[in-house]
C-alpha atoms as a PDB file:
ATOM      1  CA  MET A   1    -172.954 194.645  23.269  1.00  0.00           C
ATOM      2  CA  LYS A   2    -171.436 191.251  22.502  1.00  0.00           C
ATOM      3  CA  GLY A   3    -167.950 192.760  21.982  1.00  0.00           C
ATOM      4  CA  TYR A   4    -168.045 194.672  25.249  1.00  0.00           C
ATOM      5  CA  PRO A   5    -166.958 191.799  27.583  1.00  0.00           C
ATOM      6  CA  SER A   6    -164.102 190.790  25.262  1.00  0.00           C
ATOM      7  CA  TYR A   7    -162.944 194.418  25.181  1.00  0.00           C
ATOM      8  CA  LEU A   8    -162.834 194.429  28.985  1.00  0.00           C
ATOM      9  CA  ILE A   9    -160.883 191.186  29.012  1.00  0.00           C
ATOM     10  CA  TYR A  10    -158.286 192.604  26.605  1.00  0.00           C
ATOM     11  CA  CYS A  11    -158.089 195.823  28.596  1.00  0.00           C
ATOM     12  CA  PHE A  12    -157.723 193.969  31.877  1.00  0.00           C
ATOM     13  CA  GLY A  13    -155.121 191.619  30.363  1.00  0.00           C
ATOM     14  CA  GLY A  14    -153.093 194.551  29.064  1.00  0.00           C
ATOM     15  CA  LEU A  15    -153.210 196.377  32.388  1.00  0.00           C
ATOM     16  CA  LEU A  16    -152.290 193.207  34.265  1.00  0.00           C
ATOM     17  CA  SER A  17    -149.298 192.639  31.963  1.00  0.00           C
ATOM     18  CA  LEU A  18    -148.164 196.229  32.449  1.00  0.00           C
ATOM     19  CA  TRP A  19    -148.533 195.956  36.223  1.00  0.00           C
ATOM     20  CA  ILE A  20    -146.523 192.708  36.320  1.00  0.00           C
ATOM     21  CA  LEU A  21    -143.816 194.296  34.187  1.00  0.00           C
ATOM     22  CA  CYS A  22    -143.589 197.331  36.473  1.00  0.00           C
ATOM     23  CA  VAL A  23    -143.546 195.305  39.674  1.00  0.00           C
ATOM     24  CA  SER A  24    -141.057 192.702  38.491  1.00  0.00           C
ATOM     25  CA  SER A  25    -138.615 195.064  36.841  1.00  0.00           C
ATOM     26  CA  THR A  26    -137.437 197.207  39.705  1.00  0.00           C
ATOM     27  CA  ASN A  27    -133.984 196.321  38.442  1.00  0.00           C
ATOM     28  CA  GLN A  28    -133.476 195.986  34.706  1.00  0.00           C
ATOM     29  CA  CYS A  29    -129.768 195.320  34.999  1.00  0.00           C
ATOM     30  CA  THR A  30    -128.417 192.300  33.199  1.00  0.00           C
ATOM     31  CA  VAL A  31    -126.124 189.979  35.100  1.00  0.00           C
ATOM     32  CA  ARG A  32    -123.839 187.453  33.453  1.00  0.00           C
ATOM     33  CA  HIS A  33    -121.431 185.473  35.565  1.00  0.00           C
ATOM     34  CA  GLU A  34    -120.132 188.095  38.015  1.00  0.00           C
ATOM     35  CA  VAL A  35    -120.661 191.151  35.805  1.00  0.00           C
ATOM     36  CA  ALA A  36    -123.680 193.447  36.209  1.00  0.00           C
ATOM     37  CA  ASP A  37    -124.583 195.826  33.399  1.00  0.00           C
ATOM     38  CA  CYS A  38    -126.855 198.625  34.584  1.00  0.00           C
ATOM     39  CA  SER A  39    -125.942 201.088  31.846  1.00  0.00           C
ATOM     40  CA  HIS A  40    -128.425 203.290  29.969  1.00  0.00           C
ATOM     41  CA  LEU A  41    -131.272 202.737  32.463  1.00  0.00           C
ATOM     42  CA  LYS A  42    -131.753 206.335  33.675  1.00  0.00           C
ATOM     43  CA  LEU A  43    -130.858 205.219  37.200  1.00  0.00           C
ATOM     44  CA  THR A  44    -130.727 207.869  39.907  1.00  0.00           C
ATOM     45  CA  HIS A  45    -129.457 205.511  42.621  1.00  0.00           C
ATOM     46  CA  ILE A  46    -127.343 202.378  42.948  1.00  0.00           C
ATOM     47  CA  PRO A  47    -129.406 199.169  42.623  1.00  0.00           C
ATOM     48  CA  ASP A  48    -129.514 197.234  45.885  1.00  0.00           C
ATOM     49  CA  ASP A  49    -130.777 193.922  44.547  1.00  0.00           C
ATOM     50  CA  LEU A  50    -127.859 192.700  42.444  1.00  0.00           C
ATOM     51  CA  PRO A  51    -126.000 189.507  43.385  1.00  0.00           C
ATOM     52  CA  ALA A  52    -123.554 190.171  46.206  1.00  0.00           C
ATOM     53  CA  ASN A  53    -120.739 188.327  44.417  1.00  0.00           C
ATOM     54  CA  ILE A  54    -120.462 190.645  41.392  1.00  0.00           C
ATOM     55  CA  THR A  55    -116.926 191.755  40.571  1.00  0.00           C
ATOM     56  CA  ALA A  56    -117.747 194.293  37.844  1.00  0.00           C
ATOM     57  CA  LEU A  57    -120.537 196.871  37.785  1.00  0.00           C
ATOM     58  CA  ASN A  58    -121.362 199.097  34.829  1.00  0.00           C
ATOM     59  CA  LEU A  59    -123.401 202.134  35.892  1.00  0.00           C
ATOM     60  CA  SER A  60    -122.455 204.278  32.904  1.00  0.00           C
ATOM     61  CA  HIS A  61    -124.855 206.533  31.014  1.00  0.00           C
ATOM     62  CA  ASN A  62    -127.348 207.031  33.836  1.00  0.00           C
ATOM     63  CA  GLN A  63    -128.439 209.980  35.976  1.00  0.00           C
ATOM     64  CA  LEU A  64    -126.365 209.339  39.095  1.00  0.00           C
ATOM     65  CA  ARG A  65    -125.329 212.405  41.083  1.00  0.00           C
ATOM     66  CA  SER A  66    -123.258 210.611  43.709  1.00  0.00           C
ATOM     67  CA  LEU A  67    -121.787 207.251  44.676  1.00  0.00           C
ATOM     68  CA  PRO A  68    -122.751 206.856  48.347  1.00  0.00           C
ATOM     69  CA  PRO A  69    -120.372 204.325  49.951  1.00  0.00           C
ATOM     70  CA  THR A  70    -123.179 202.748  51.981  1.00  0.00           C
ATOM     71  CA  ASN A  71    -124.905 201.743  48.732  1.00  0.00           C
ATOM     72  CA  PHE A  72    -121.908 199.584  47.808  1.00  0.00           C
ATOM     73  CA  THR A  73    -121.584 197.663  51.082  1.00  0.00           C
ATOM     74  CA  ARG A  74    -123.318 194.664  49.516  1.00  0.00           C
ATOM     75  CA  TYR A  75    -120.851 194.649  46.592  1.00  0.00           C
ATOM     76  CA  SER A  76    -117.561 194.434  48.479  1.00  0.00           C
ATOM     77  CA  GLN A  77    -116.019 192.120  45.844  1.00  0.00           C
ATOM     78  CA  LEU A  78    -116.118 194.743  43.077  1.00  0.00           C
ATOM     79  CA  THR A  79    -112.845 195.124  41.209  1.00  0.00           C
ATOM     80  CA  ILE A  80    -114.251 197.213  38.334  1.00  0.00           C
ATOM     81  CA  LEU A  81    -116.682 200.113  38.693  1.00  0.00           C
ATOM     82  CA  ASP A  82    -117.743 202.075  35.631  1.00  0.00           C
ATOM     83  CA  ALA A  83    -119.712 205.192  36.573  1.00  0.00           C
ATOM     84  CA  GLY A  84    -118.828 207.213  33.505  1.00  0.00           C
ATOM     85  CA  PHE A  85    -121.286 209.532  31.756  1.00  0.00           C
ATOM     86  CA  ASN A  86    -123.357 210.505  34.797  1.00  0.00           C
ATOM     87  CA  SER A  87    -123.685 213.725  36.821  1.00  0.00           C
ATOM     88  CA  ILE A  88    -121.420 212.826  39.734  1.00  0.00           C
ATOM     89  CA  SER A  89    -120.001 215.977  41.299  1.00  0.00           C
ATOM     90  CA  LYS A  90    -118.289 214.678  44.443  1.00  0.00           C
ATOM     91  CA  LEU A  91    -116.534 211.545  45.634  1.00  0.00           C
ATOM     92  CA  GLU A  92    -116.391 210.433  49.227  1.00  0.00           C
ATOM     93  CA  PRO A  93    -113.145 208.836  50.487  1.00  0.00           C
ATOM     94  CA  GLU A  94    -115.193 206.088  52.109  1.00  0.00           C
ATOM     95  CA  LEU A  95    -116.085 204.708  48.663  1.00  0.00           C
ATOM     96  CA  CYS A  96    -112.758 202.882  48.450  1.00  0.00           C
ATOM     97  CA  GLN A  97    -112.984 201.943  52.089  1.00  0.00           C
ATOM     98  CA  THR A  98    -116.164 200.068  51.196  1.00  0.00           C
ATOM     99  CA  LEU A  99    -114.753 198.742  47.903  1.00  0.00           C
ATOM    100  CA  GLN A 100    -111.313 197.640  49.051  1.00  0.00           C
ATOM    101  CA  SER A 101    -110.742 195.338  46.049  1.00  0.00           C
ATOM    102  CA  LEU A 102    -111.394 198.083  43.488  1.00  0.00           C
ATOM    103  CA  LYS A 103    -108.759 198.055  40.735  1.00  0.00           C
ATOM    104  CA  ILE A 104    -110.407 200.029  37.924  1.00  0.00           C
ATOM    105  CA  LEU A 105    -112.571 203.112  38.440  1.00  0.00           C
ATOM    106  CA  ASN A 106    -114.085 204.954  35.490  1.00  0.00           C
ATOM    107  CA  LEU A 107    -115.491 208.392  36.268  1.00  0.00           C
ATOM    108  CA  GLN A 108    -115.093 210.024  32.857  1.00  0.00           C
ATOM    109  CA  HIS A 109    -117.686 212.524  31.646  1.00  0.00           C
ATOM    110  CA  ASN A 110    -119.066 213.529  35.041  1.00  0.00           C
ATOM    111  CA  GLU A 111    -119.146 216.827  36.931  1.00  0.00           C
ATOM    112  CA  LEU A 112    -116.164 216.437  39.251  1.00  0.00           C
ATOM    113  CA  SER A 113    -114.492 219.787  39.859  1.00  0.00           C
ATOM    114  CA  GLN A 114    -111.921 219.064  42.557  1.00  0.00           C
ATOM    115  CA  ILE A 115    -109.969 216.240  44.098  1.00  0.00           C
ATOM    116  CA  SER A 116    -108.734 216.420  47.657  1.00  0.00           C
ATOM    117  CA  ASP A 117    -105.812 214.509  49.100  1.00  0.00           C
ATOM    118  CA  LYS A 118    -108.352 212.325  50.918  1.00  0.00           C
ATOM    119  CA  THR A 119    -110.452 211.352  47.891  1.00  0.00           C
ATOM    120  CA  PHE A 120    -108.460 208.222  47.025  1.00  0.00           C
ATOM    121  CA  VAL A 121    -106.674 207.606  50.323  1.00  0.00           C
ATOM    122  CA  PHE A 122    -108.366 204.208  50.808  1.00  0.00           C
ATOM    123  CA  CYS A 123    -107.968 203.105  47.167  1.00  0.00           C
ATOM    124  CA  MET A 124    -104.934 200.961  47.889  1.00  0.00           C
ATOM    125  CA  ASP A 125    -105.457 198.465  45.034  1.00  0.00           C
ATOM    126  CA  LEU A 126    -106.557 200.991  42.412  1.00  0.00           C
ATOM    127  CA  ILE A 127    -104.414 200.662  39.279  1.00  0.00           C
ATOM    128  CA  GLU A 128    -106.509 202.473  36.656  1.00  0.00           C
ATOM    129  CA  LEU A 129    -108.495 205.676  37.103  1.00  0.00           C
ATOM    130  CA  TYR A 130    -110.335 207.444  34.300  1.00  0.00           C
ATOM    131  CA  LEU A 131    -111.216 211.090  34.933  1.00  0.00           C
ATOM    132  CA  MET A 132    -111.306 212.562  31.431  1.00  0.00           C
ATOM    133  CA  SER A 133    -113.950 215.122  30.504  1.00  0.00           C
ATOM    134  CA  ASN A 134    -114.661 216.358  34.007  1.00  0.00           C
ATOM    135  CA  SER A 135    -114.301 219.958  35.118  1.00  0.00           C
ATOM    136  CA  ILE A 136    -111.439 219.321  37.513  1.00  0.00           C
ATOM    137  CA  HIS A 137    -109.745 222.610  38.258  1.00  0.00           C
ATOM    138  CA  LYS A 138    -108.362 222.043  41.747  1.00  0.00           C
ATOM    139  CA  ILE A 139    -106.290 219.214  43.161  1.00  0.00           C
ATOM    140  CA  LYS A 140    -105.206 219.451  46.786  1.00  0.00           C
ATOM    141  CA  SER A 141    -101.872 217.920  47.744  1.00  0.00           C
ATOM    142  CA  ASN A 142    -101.037 214.597  46.089  1.00  0.00           C
ATOM    143  CA  PRO A 143    -104.131 212.387  46.056  1.00  0.00           C
ATOM    144  CA  PHE A 144    -102.159 209.382  44.749  1.00  0.00           C
ATOM    145  CA  ARG A 145     -99.023 209.332  46.877  1.00  0.00           C
ATOM    146  CA  SER A 146     -99.824 206.038  48.644  1.00  0.00           C
ATOM    147  CA  GLN A 147    -101.503 204.291  45.727  1.00  0.00           C
ATOM    148  CA  LYS A 148    -100.105 202.178  42.949  1.00  0.00           C
ATOM    149  CA  VAL A 149    -102.262 203.843  40.317  1.00  0.00           C
ATOM    150  CA  ARG A 150    -100.716 202.884  37.001  1.00  0.00           C
ATOM    151  CA  GLY A 151    -102.679 205.249  34.826  1.00  0.00           C
ATOM    152  CA  VAL A 152    -104.697 208.362  35.428  1.00  0.00           C
ATOM    153  CA  CYS A 153    -106.204 209.266  32.087  1.00  0.00           C
ATOM    154  CA  SER A 154    -106.835 212.891  31.109  1.00  0.00           C
ATOM    155  CA  PHE A 155    -106.546 214.104  34.653  1.00  0.00           C
ATOM    156  CA  CYS A 156    -107.716 217.676  34.329  1.00  0.00           C
ATOM    157  CA  SER A 157    -108.384 220.585  32.040  1.00  0.00           C
ATOM    158  CA  GLN A 158    -105.935 223.340  31.096  1.00  0.00           C
ATOM    159  CA  LYS A 159    -106.958 225.432  34.117  1.00  0.00           C
ATOM    160  CA  CYS A 160    -106.088 222.740  36.636  1.00  0.00           C
ATOM    161  CA  LYS A 161    -104.271 223.903  39.771  1.00  0.00           C
ATOM    162  CA  TYR A 162    -102.205 221.333  41.609  1.00  0.00           C
ATOM    163  CA  TYR A 163    -101.218 222.112  45.193  1.00  0.00           C
ATOM    164  CA  LEU A 164     -98.245 220.296  46.707  1.00  0.00           C
END
């Protein structure tokens, strides 16, 4: 029975370490300078505890289904948003209203199927948009008529219908 108390101490120490790890790592994103990398973390929502002054946010390779504009209010200085390789199926026009400084938006490899004329209406500073490998089959009107988008990469599949 001499080894019994030491076994309990090791067990307790291990559980305490695990508990501290779980409690302290609500956000496993790495932040360097003004760039936050939250990629490959199996995130289902936008982290709300990153520094407010970040200018680039990498959310790629997660499990995001949407990009709710209210979740980005804290990050109004973002110029680059990478949300590629997720399961995003719809974009709200208010996203760019919240992120008015956004210049580069990567949404490749998601589940977007249509783009309305209102989707990017508030994206006035957007210059690069990546939409490749989505299932876009319907584009209403001209979603980029008032923007200075320099490049829209791989806009849609062969079955894409564009309505003017």
